[in-house]
């Protein structure tokens, strides 16, 4: 029975999440003026349901085999492109006006998603510090959790090898890995912290962030992803801007992709490194 239901889980979970999103947005008084039109609002919610089904809950639809030999570099950015398209589509329906100039639209878009900062240099410095501190803290927390699992359930309960995609990513050109880290830092923070967090809250947006990484198929890794999401969310709440979180996120991913994962794969048995969220 569960096998028959599993393909339907992503759209059903996405629909439930979008209904909760719509209610939370209205309850917080954040429903945009464009959504006074039922057509615009329903159009976005339908599109948003499809995006969440593919990009957040897709891992619940069953295992998907990735053919790494035929995987193209551009495919690594597909999810980020989907998230960014969602934000542009949302803004066009929610705030877009025919009389609006491109410059005014860009400034309004940035303001709506938390990209304004009175002192950008300070935000970058805070983001760098948070990125390094977050990396050390998450690594320590994961080692602690792994040690607890080892003591309670034995070494068999711990992941023995990383997913095949991790060593494949570690072998990508340096420029491409840097681009992936930067793309994740900017787009994922825009989507989960800039767009979702003000509307559904820190915990719910962090939960969706974790679910978007279920495809790693290693529950231990999700502990680190959850801690990082809370860190980025608290940074945004504290700074009232995305920039510190963007820098921290991009830095963490860059360190993972350029240093930690390659070193772990070379020297540690099983290559058990934390993948970059």
C-alpha atoms as a PDB file:
ATOM      1  CA  UNK A   1       0.000   0.000   0.000  1.00  0.00           C
ATOM      2  CA  UNK A   2       2.788   2.409   0.945  1.00  0.00           C
ATOM      3  CA  UNK A   3       4.557   1.557  -2.310  1.00  0.00           C
ATOM      4  CA  UNK A   4       1.468   2.650  -4.253  1.00  0.00           C
ATOM      5  CA  UNK A   5       1.086   5.841  -2.233  1.00  0.00           C
ATOM      6  CA  UNK A   6       4.755   6.893  -2.326  1.00  0.00           C
ATOM      7  CA  UNK A   7       4.731   8.578  -5.777  1.00  0.00           C
ATOM      8  CA  UNK A   8       1.878  10.780  -4.560  1.00  0.00           C
ATOM      9  CA  UNK A   9       3.640  11.883  -1.381  1.00  0.00           C
ATOM     10  CA  UNK A  10       5.573  14.836  -2.912  1.00  0.00           C
ATOM     11  CA  UNK A  11       2.514  16.588  -4.417  1.00  0.00           C
ATOM     12  CA  UNK A  12       0.340  15.854  -1.357  1.00  0.00           C
ATOM     13  CA  UNK A  13       2.970  17.163   1.074  1.00  0.00           C
ATOM     14  CA  UNK A  14       3.594  20.173  -1.175  1.00  0.00           C
ATOM     15  CA  UNK A  15      -0.126  20.976  -1.296  1.00  0.00           C
ATOM     16  CA  UNK A  16      -0.379  20.795   2.498  1.00  0.00           C
ATOM     17  CA  UNK A  17       2.689  23.040   2.859  1.00  0.00           C
ATOM     18  CA  UNK A  18       1.314  25.615   0.405  1.00  0.00           C
ATOM     19  CA  UNK A  19      -2.050  25.747   2.195  1.00  0.00           C
ATOM     20  CA  UNK A  20      -0.198  26.315   5.485  1.00  0.00           C
ATOM     21  CA  UNK A  21       1.983  28.959   3.788  1.00  0.00           C
ATOM     22  CA  UNK A  22      -1.055  30.818   2.434  1.00  0.00           C
ATOM     23  CA  UNK A  23      -2.758  30.849   5.843  1.00  0.00           C
ATOM     24  CA  UNK A  24       0.395  31.899   7.679  1.00  0.00           C
ATOM     25  CA  UNK A  25       1.008  34.733   5.219  1.00  0.00           C
ATOM     26  CA  UNK A  26      -2.526  36.038   5.739  1.00  0.00           C
ATOM     27  CA  UNK A  27      -2.311  35.643   9.524  1.00  0.00           C
ATOM     28  CA  UNK A  28       0.920  37.655   9.643  1.00  0.00           C
ATOM     29  CA  UNK A  29      -0.535  40.383   7.439  1.00  0.00           C
ATOM     30  CA  UNK A  30       2.036  39.739   4.698  1.00  0.00           C
ATOM     31  CA  UNK A  31      -0.239  38.886   1.802  1.00  0.00           C
ATOM     32  CA  UNK A  32       0.947  41.200  -1.001  1.00  0.00           C
ATOM     33  CA  UNK A  33      -1.354  43.676  -2.772  1.00  0.00           C
ATOM     34  CA  UNK A  34      -1.276  41.777  -6.055  1.00  0.00           C
ATOM     35  CA  UNK A  35      -2.853  38.768  -4.367  1.00  0.00           C
ATOM     36  CA  UNK A  36      -6.045  40.718  -3.792  1.00  0.00           C
ATOM     37  CA  UNK A  37      -6.735  39.273  -7.233  1.00  0.00           C
ATOM     38  CA  UNK A  38      -7.797  35.617  -6.700  1.00  0.00           C
ATOM     39  CA  UNK A  39      -6.477  34.724 -10.147  1.00  0.00           C
ATOM     40  CA  UNK A  40      -2.955  35.960  -9.354  1.00  0.00           C
ATOM     41  CA  UNK A  41      -2.957  34.331  -5.938  1.00  0.00           C
ATOM     42  CA  UNK A  42      -4.178  30.938  -7.158  1.00  0.00           C
ATOM     43  CA  UNK A  43      -1.807  31.036 -10.124  1.00  0.00           C
ATOM     44  CA  UNK A  44       1.169  31.510  -7.830  1.00  0.00           C
ATOM     45  CA  UNK A  45       0.006  28.915  -5.285  1.00  0.00           C
ATOM     46  CA  UNK A  46      -0.395  26.270  -7.990  1.00  0.00           C
ATOM     47  CA  UNK A  47       3.077  27.035  -9.335  1.00  0.00           C
ATOM     48  CA  UNK A  48       4.492  27.074  -5.797  1.00  0.00           C
ATOM     49  CA  UNK A  49       2.979  23.642  -5.128  1.00  0.00           C
ATOM     50  CA  UNK A  50       4.767  22.221  -8.161  1.00  0.00           C
ATOM     51  CA  UNK A  51       8.056  23.798  -7.064  1.00  0.00           C
ATOM     52  CA  UNK A  52       7.836  22.364  -3.538  1.00  0.00           C
ATOM     53  CA  UNK A  53       6.841  18.950  -4.881  1.00  0.00           C
ATOM     54  CA  UNK A  54       9.939  18.887  -7.083  1.00  0.00           C
ATOM     55  CA  UNK A  55      12.476  20.834  -5.044  1.00  0.00           C
ATOM     56  CA  UNK A  56      11.625  20.141  -1.395  1.00  0.00           C
ATOM     57  CA  UNK A  57       9.523  16.977  -1.134  1.00  0.00           C
ATOM     58  CA  UNK A  58      10.887  15.143  -4.170  1.00  0.00           C
ATOM     59  CA  UNK A  59      12.959  12.842  -1.974  1.00  0.00           C
ATOM     60  CA  UNK A  60       9.771  11.304  -0.558  1.00  0.00           C
ATOM     61  CA  UNK A  61       8.711   9.971  -3.957  1.00  0.00           C
ATOM     62  CA  UNK A  62      11.132   7.053  -3.794  1.00  0.00           C
ATOM     63  CA  UNK A  63      14.796   6.517  -4.656  1.00  0.00           C
ATOM     64  CA  UNK A  64      16.025   8.082  -7.874  1.00  0.00           C
ATOM     65  CA  UNK A  65      19.099   6.702  -9.577  1.00  0.00           C
ATOM     66  CA  UNK A  66      21.420   9.443 -10.860  1.00  0.00           C
ATOM     67  CA  UNK A  67      23.491   8.599 -13.897  1.00  0.00           C
ATOM     68  CA  UNK A  68      26.657  10.449 -12.954  1.00  0.00           C
ATOM     69  CA  UNK A  69      28.330   9.649 -16.259  1.00  0.00           C
ATOM     70  CA  UNK A  70      25.719  11.609 -18.204  1.00  0.00           C
ATOM     71  CA  UNK A  71      25.114  14.321 -15.584  1.00  0.00           C
ATOM     72  CA  UNK A  72      25.929  17.756 -16.996  1.00  0.00           C
ATOM     73  CA  UNK A  73      27.338  20.625 -14.939  1.00  0.00           C
ATOM     74  CA  UNK A  74      24.326  22.816 -15.736  1.00  0.00           C
ATOM     75  CA  UNK A  75      22.028  20.246 -14.110  1.00  0.00           C
ATOM     76  CA  UNK A  76      23.642  20.980 -10.743  1.00  0.00           C
ATOM     77  CA  UNK A  77      22.047  24.421 -10.834  1.00  0.00           C
ATOM     78  CA  UNK A  78      18.557  23.319 -11.881  1.00  0.00           C
ATOM     79  CA  UNK A  79      17.054  23.469  -8.402  1.00  0.00           C
ATOM     80  CA  UNK A  80      18.517  26.911  -7.759  1.00  0.00           C
ATOM     81  CA  UNK A  81      17.140  28.104 -11.076  1.00  0.00           C
ATOM     82  CA  UNK A  82      13.726  26.757 -10.086  1.00  0.00           C
ATOM     83  CA  UNK A  83      13.831  28.581  -6.731  1.00  0.00           C
ATOM     84  CA  UNK A  84      14.947  31.826  -8.366  1.00  0.00           C
ATOM     85  CA  UNK A  85      12.224  31.546 -11.007  1.00  0.00           C
ATOM     86  CA  UNK A  86       9.698  31.099  -8.202  1.00  0.00           C
ATOM     87  CA  UNK A  87      10.818  34.320  -6.533  1.00  0.00           C
ATOM     88  CA  UNK A  88      10.677  36.325  -9.763  1.00  0.00           C
ATOM     89  CA  UNK A  89       7.246  34.882 -10.607  1.00  0.00           C
ATOM     90  CA  UNK A  90       5.993  35.653  -7.088  1.00  0.00           C
ATOM     91  CA  UNK A  91       7.231  39.235  -7.255  1.00  0.00           C
ATOM     92  CA  UNK A  92       5.735  39.805 -10.716  1.00  0.00           C
ATOM     93  CA  UNK A  93       2.312  38.639  -9.551  1.00  0.00           C
ATOM     94  CA  UNK A  94       2.484  40.159  -6.079  1.00  0.00           C
ATOM     95  CA  UNK A  95       4.026  43.586  -6.696  1.00  0.00           C
ATOM     96  CA  UNK A  96       4.643  44.001 -10.420  1.00  0.00           C
ATOM     97  CA  UNK A  97       3.093  46.997 -12.174  1.00  0.00           C
ATOM     98  CA  UNK A  98       3.240  47.952 -15.813  1.00  0.00           C
ATOM     99  CA  UNK A  99       4.333  51.484 -14.936  1.00  0.00           C
ATOM    100  CA  UNK A 100       7.271  50.237 -12.852  1.00  0.00           C
ATOM    101  CA  UNK A 101      10.725  50.856 -14.304  1.00  0.00           C
ATOM    102  CA  UNK A 102      13.255  47.970 -14.280  1.00  0.00           C
ATOM    103  CA  UNK A 103      15.421  49.817 -11.741  1.00  0.00           C
ATOM    104  CA  UNK A 104      12.511  50.437  -9.396  1.00  0.00           C
ATOM    105  CA  UNK A 105      11.408  46.824  -9.732  1.00  0.00           C
ATOM    106  CA  UNK A 106      14.905  45.558  -8.899  1.00  0.00           C
ATOM    107  CA  UNK A 107      15.132  47.788  -5.809  1.00  0.00           C
ATOM    108  CA  UNK A 108      11.682  46.718  -4.645  1.00  0.00           C
ATOM    109  CA  UNK A 109      12.490  43.043  -5.228  1.00  0.00           C
ATOM    110  CA  UNK A 110      15.689  43.378  -3.176  1.00  0.00           C
ATOM    111  CA  UNK A 111      13.874  45.169  -0.357  1.00  0.00           C
ATOM    112  CA  UNK A 112      11.087  42.569  -0.227  1.00  0.00           C
ATOM    113  CA  UNK A 113      13.589  39.724   0.176  1.00  0.00           C
ATOM    114  CA  UNK A 114      15.918  41.362   2.699  1.00  0.00           C
ATOM    115  CA  UNK A 115      18.823  42.340   0.461  1.00  0.00           C
ATOM    116  CA  UNK A 116      19.066  45.876   1.810  1.00  0.00           C
ATOM    117  CA  UNK A 117      21.852  46.538   4.340  1.00  0.00           C
ATOM    118  CA  UNK A 118      22.989  49.996   5.528  1.00  0.00           C
ATOM    119  CA  UNK A 119      26.552  48.739   6.082  1.00  0.00           C
ATOM    120  CA  UNK A 120      27.276  45.862   3.661  1.00  0.00           C
ATOM    121  CA  UNK A 121      30.921  45.555   4.719  1.00  0.00           C
ATOM    122  CA  UNK A 122      29.884  44.869   8.297  1.00  0.00           C
ATOM    123  CA  UNK A 123      27.434  42.190   7.131  1.00  0.00           C
ATOM    124  CA  UNK A 124      30.163  40.484   5.100  1.00  0.00           C
ATOM    125  CA  UNK A 125      32.501  40.474   8.118  1.00  0.00           C
ATOM    126  CA  UNK A 126      29.793  39.012  10.352  1.00  0.00           C
ATOM    127  CA  UNK A 127      29.008  36.414   7.693  1.00  0.00           C
ATOM    128  CA  UNK A 128      32.653  35.344   7.433  1.00  0.00           C
ATOM    129  CA  UNK A 129      32.931  34.965  11.206  1.00  0.00           C
ATOM    130  CA  UNK A 130      29.636  33.073  11.379  1.00  0.00           C
ATOM    131  CA  UNK A 131      30.674  30.835   8.494  1.00  0.00           C
ATOM    132  CA  UNK A 132      33.870  29.689  10.193  1.00  0.00           C
ATOM    133  CA  UNK A 133      32.243  29.417  13.629  1.00  0.00           C
ATOM    134  CA  UNK A 134      29.296  27.543  12.150  1.00  0.00           C
ATOM    135  CA  UNK A 135      31.576  25.103  10.376  1.00  0.00           C
ATOM    136  CA  UNK A 136      33.444  24.302  13.612  1.00  0.00           C
ATOM    137  CA  UNK A 137      30.248  24.102  15.669  1.00  0.00           C
ATOM    138  CA  UNK A 138      28.400  21.866  13.229  1.00  0.00           C
ATOM    139  CA  UNK A 139      31.405  19.571  12.827  1.00  0.00           C
ATOM    140  CA  UNK A 140      31.670  19.219  16.630  1.00  0.00           C
ATOM    141  CA  UNK A 141      27.922  18.576  16.945  1.00  0.00           C
ATOM    142  CA  UNK A 142      27.960  15.914  14.235  1.00  0.00           C
ATOM    143  CA  UNK A 143      30.947  14.187  15.767  1.00  0.00           C
ATOM    144  CA  UNK A 144      29.074  14.193  19.077  1.00  0.00           C
ATOM    145  CA  UNK A 145      25.951  12.693  17.512  1.00  0.00           C
ATOM    146  CA  UNK A 146      28.023  10.121  15.634  1.00  0.00           C
ATOM    147  CA  UNK A 147      29.790   9.181  18.876  1.00  0.00           C
ATOM    148  CA  UNK A 148      26.467   8.766  20.668  1.00  0.00           C
ATOM    149  CA  UNK A 149      25.123   6.545  17.882  1.00  0.00           C
ATOM    150  CA  UNK A 150      28.323   4.502  18.008  1.00  0.00           C
ATOM    151  CA  UNK A 151      27.971   3.952  21.754  1.00  0.00           C
ATOM    152  CA  UNK A 152      24.263   3.126  21.663  1.00  0.00           C
ATOM    153  CA  UNK A 153      23.856   1.177  18.408  1.00  0.00           C
ATOM    154  CA  UNK A 154      27.383   0.236  17.379  1.00  0.00           C
ATOM    155  CA  UNK A 155      29.469   1.127  14.323  1.00  0.00           C
ATOM    156  CA  UNK A 156      27.033  -0.615  11.946  1.00  0.00           C
ATOM    157  CA  UNK A 157      24.477   2.140  12.580  1.00  0.00           C
ATOM    158  CA  UNK A 158      26.813   4.801  11.181  1.00  0.00           C
ATOM    159  CA  UNK A 159      27.112   5.561   7.443  1.00  0.00           C
ATOM    160  CA  UNK A 160      29.907   3.471   5.989  1.00  0.00           C
ATOM    161  CA  UNK A 161      30.340   5.222   2.648  1.00  0.00           C
ATOM    162  CA  UNK A 162      29.209   8.583   1.243  1.00  0.00           C
ATOM    163  CA  UNK A 163      26.619   8.796  -1.566  1.00  0.00           C
ATOM    164  CA  UNK A 164      28.204   8.313  -4.988  1.00  0.00           C
ATOM    165  CA  UNK A 165      27.469  11.922  -5.935  1.00  0.00           C
ATOM    166  CA  UNK A 166      29.779  13.267  -3.180  1.00  0.00           C
ATOM    167  CA  UNK A 167      33.096  11.996  -4.619  1.00  0.00           C
ATOM    168  CA  UNK A 168      31.801  12.965  -8.064  1.00  0.00           C
ATOM    169  CA  UNK A 169      31.285  16.547  -6.865  1.00  0.00           C
ATOM    170  CA  UNK A 170      34.686  16.557  -5.181  1.00  0.00           C
ATOM    171  CA  UNK A 171      36.269  15.836  -8.567  1.00  0.00           C
ATOM    172  CA  UNK A 172      34.590  18.789 -10.308  1.00  0.00           C
ATOM    173  CA  UNK A 173      36.756  21.731 -11.436  1.00  0.00           C
ATOM    174  CA  UNK A 174      37.491  24.247  -8.688  1.00  0.00           C
ATOM    175  CA  UNK A 175      35.681  27.060 -10.514  1.00  0.00           C
ATOM    176  CA  UNK A 176      32.523  24.958 -10.788  1.00  0.00           C
ATOM    177  CA  UNK A 177      32.604  24.050  -7.096  1.00  0.00           C
ATOM    178  CA  UNK A 178      33.012  27.719  -6.213  1.00  0.00           C
ATOM    179  CA  UNK A 179      30.065  28.567  -8.462  1.00  0.00           C
ATOM    180  CA  UNK A 180      27.965  25.920  -6.710  1.00  0.00           C
ATOM    181  CA  UNK A 181      28.853  27.333  -3.289  1.00  0.00           C
ATOM    182  CA  UNK A 182      28.041  30.886  -4.360  1.00  0.00           C
ATOM    183  CA  UNK A 183      24.787  29.836  -6.033  1.00  0.00           C
ATOM    184  CA  UNK A 184      23.682  27.941  -2.931  1.00  0.00           C
ATOM    185  CA  UNK A 185      24.559  30.847  -0.657  1.00  0.00           C
ATOM    186  CA  UNK A 186      22.610  33.388  -2.691  1.00  0.00           C
ATOM    187  CA  UNK A 187      19.619  31.467  -4.037  1.00  0.00           C
ATOM    188  CA  UNK A 188      18.884  29.220  -1.059  1.00  0.00           C
ATOM    189  CA  UNK A 189      19.087  32.135   1.357  1.00  0.00           C
ATOM    190  CA  UNK A 190      16.801  34.219  -0.863  1.00  0.00           C
ATOM    191  CA  UNK A 191      14.276  31.397  -1.029  1.00  0.00           C
ATOM    192  CA  UNK A 192      14.319  29.921   2.475  1.00  0.00           C
ATOM    193  CA  UNK A 193      15.290  32.916   4.603  1.00  0.00           C
ATOM    194  CA  UNK A 194      14.316  35.921   2.488  1.00  0.00           C
ATOM    195  CA  UNK A 195      11.020  34.572   1.171  1.00  0.00           C
ATOM    196  CA  UNK A 196       9.809  31.759   3.444  1.00  0.00           C
ATOM    197  CA  UNK A 197      11.088  32.700   6.908  1.00  0.00           C
ATOM    198  CA  UNK A 198       9.157  35.989   7.313  1.00  0.00           C
ATOM    199  CA  UNK A 199       5.963  34.246   6.163  1.00  0.00           C
ATOM    200  CA  UNK A 200       6.046  30.883   7.949  1.00  0.00           C
ATOM    201  CA  UNK A 201       8.634  31.388  10.674  1.00  0.00           C
ATOM    202  CA  UNK A 202      12.147  30.232  11.492  1.00  0.00           C
ATOM    203  CA  UNK A 203      11.351  26.637  12.447  1.00  0.00           C
ATOM    204  CA  UNK A 204       9.029  25.892   9.526  1.00  0.00           C
ATOM    205  CA  UNK A 205      11.360  27.412   6.930  1.00  0.00           C
ATOM    206  CA  UNK A 206      14.291  25.509   8.454  1.00  0.00           C
ATOM    207  CA  UNK A 207      12.241  22.310   8.298  1.00  0.00           C
ATOM    208  CA  UNK A 208      11.639  22.814   4.580  1.00  0.00           C
ATOM    209  CA  UNK A 209      15.340  23.566   4.102  1.00  0.00           C
ATOM    210  CA  UNK A 210      16.225  20.233   5.726  1.00  0.00           C
ATOM    211  CA  UNK A 211      13.635  18.355   3.663  1.00  0.00           C
ATOM    212  CA  UNK A 212      15.129  19.833   0.485  1.00  0.00           C
ATOM    213  CA  UNK A 213      18.342  17.960   1.389  1.00  0.00           C
ATOM    214  CA  UNK A 214      16.755  14.549   2.093  1.00  0.00           C
ATOM    215  CA  UNK A 215      18.162  13.333  -1.230  1.00  0.00           C
ATOM    216  CA  UNK A 216      21.554  12.948   0.493  1.00  0.00           C
ATOM    217  CA  UNK A 217      20.003   9.742   1.897  1.00  0.00           C
ATOM    218  CA  UNK A 218      22.123   9.998   5.048  1.00  0.00           C
ATOM    219  CA  UNK A 219      20.120  10.984   8.145  1.00  0.00           C
ATOM    220  CA  UNK A 220      23.237  11.928  10.103  1.00  0.00           C
ATOM    221  CA  UNK A 221      24.032  14.612   7.545  1.00  0.00           C
ATOM    222  CA  UNK A 222      20.606  16.162   8.069  1.00  0.00           C
ATOM    223  CA  UNK A 223      21.592  16.972  11.660  1.00  0.00           C
ATOM    224  CA  UNK A 224      24.259  19.304  10.324  1.00  0.00           C
ATOM    225  CA  UNK A 225      21.900  20.754   7.717  1.00  0.00           C
ATOM    226  CA  UNK A 226      19.319  21.500  10.438  1.00  0.00           C
ATOM    227  CA  UNK A 227      21.870  23.228  12.670  1.00  0.00           C
ATOM    228  CA  UNK A 228      23.158  25.313   9.772  1.00  0.00           C
ATOM    229  CA  UNK A 229      19.634  26.325   8.786  1.00  0.00           C
ATOM    230  CA  UNK A 230      18.916  27.532  12.316  1.00  0.00           C
ATOM    231  CA  UNK A 231      22.202  29.454  12.324  1.00  0.00           C
ATOM    232  CA  UNK A 232      21.393  31.187   9.035  1.00  0.00           C
ATOM    233  CA  UNK A 233      17.848  31.923  10.162  1.00  0.00           C
ATOM    234  CA  UNK A 234      19.017  33.452  13.436  1.00  0.00           C
ATOM    235  CA  UNK A 235      21.579  35.531  11.554  1.00  0.00           C
ATOM    236  CA  UNK A 236      18.814  36.949   9.356  1.00  0.00           C
ATOM    237  CA  UNK A 237      16.590  37.615  12.365  1.00  0.00           C
ATOM    238  CA  UNK A 238      19.446  39.399  14.156  1.00  0.00           C
ATOM    239  CA  UNK A 239      20.775  41.411  11.226  1.00  0.00           C
ATOM    240  CA  UNK A 240      17.427  42.065   9.472  1.00  0.00           C
ATOM    241  CA  UNK A 241      19.275  41.419   6.219  1.00  0.00           C
ATOM    242  CA  UNK A 242      20.276  38.369   4.198  1.00  0.00           C
ATOM    243  CA  UNK A 243      23.865  39.352   3.511  1.00  0.00           C
ATOM    244  CA  UNK A 244      25.527  37.853   6.584  1.00  0.00           C
ATOM    245  CA  UNK A 245      23.663  34.574   6.057  1.00  0.00           C
ATOM    246  CA  UNK A 246      24.521  34.537   2.342  1.00  0.00           C
ATOM    247  CA  UNK A 247      28.224  34.962   3.092  1.00  0.00           C
ATOM    248  CA  UNK A 248      28.177  32.370   5.890  1.00  0.00           C
ATOM    249  CA  UNK A 249      26.334  29.850   3.717  1.00  0.00           C
ATOM    250  CA  UNK A 250      28.550  30.327   0.675  1.00  0.00           C
ATOM    251  CA  UNK A 251      31.701  30.153   2.813  1.00  0.00           C
ATOM    252  CA  UNK A 252      30.599  26.949   4.525  1.00  0.00           C
ATOM    253  CA  UNK A 253      29.790  25.276   1.220  1.00  0.00           C
ATOM    254  CA  UNK A 254      33.057  26.427  -0.333  1.00  0.00           C
ATOM    255  CA  UNK A 255      35.082  25.009   2.564  1.00  0.00           C
ATOM    256  CA  UNK A 256      33.202  21.725   2.301  1.00  0.00           C
ATOM    257  CA  UNK A 257      33.525  21.373  -1.464  1.00  0.00           C
ATOM    258  CA  UNK A 258      37.090  22.618  -1.799  1.00  0.00           C
ATOM    259  CA  UNK A 259      38.737  21.303   1.372  1.00  0.00           C
ATOM    260  CA  UNK A 260      36.803  19.025   3.709  1.00  0.00           C
ATOM    261  CA  UNK A 261      35.215  16.564   1.289  1.00  0.00           C
ATOM    262  CA  UNK A 262      38.342  16.057  -0.896  1.00  0.00           C
ATOM    263  CA  UNK A 263      40.530  15.554   2.188  1.00  0.00           C
ATOM    264  CA  UNK A 264      38.040  13.176   3.803  1.00  0.00           C
ATOM    265  CA  UNK A 265      37.712  11.118   0.651  1.00  0.00           C
ATOM    266  CA  UNK A 266      41.473  10.847   0.368  1.00  0.00           C
ATOM    267  CA  UNK A 267      42.423  10.059   3.964  1.00  0.00           C
ATOM    268  CA  UNK A 268      39.408   8.865   5.938  1.00  0.00           C
ATOM    269  CA  UNK A 269      37.910   5.363   5.675  1.00  0.00           C
ATOM    270  CA  UNK A 270      34.566   5.668   3.896  1.00  0.00           C
ATOM    271  CA  UNK A 271      35.066   9.367   3.234  1.00  0.00           C
ATOM    272  CA  UNK A 272      32.425  10.354   5.763  1.00  0.00           C
ATOM    273  CA  UNK A 273      32.332  14.121   5.254  1.00  0.00           C
ATOM    274  CA  UNK A 274      29.434  16.478   5.635  1.00  0.00           C
ATOM    275  CA  UNK A 275      28.028  17.443   2.220  1.00  0.00           C
ATOM    276  CA  UNK A 276      27.515  21.075   1.394  1.00  0.00           C
ATOM    277  CA  UNK A 277      23.881  22.146   1.799  1.00  0.00           C
END
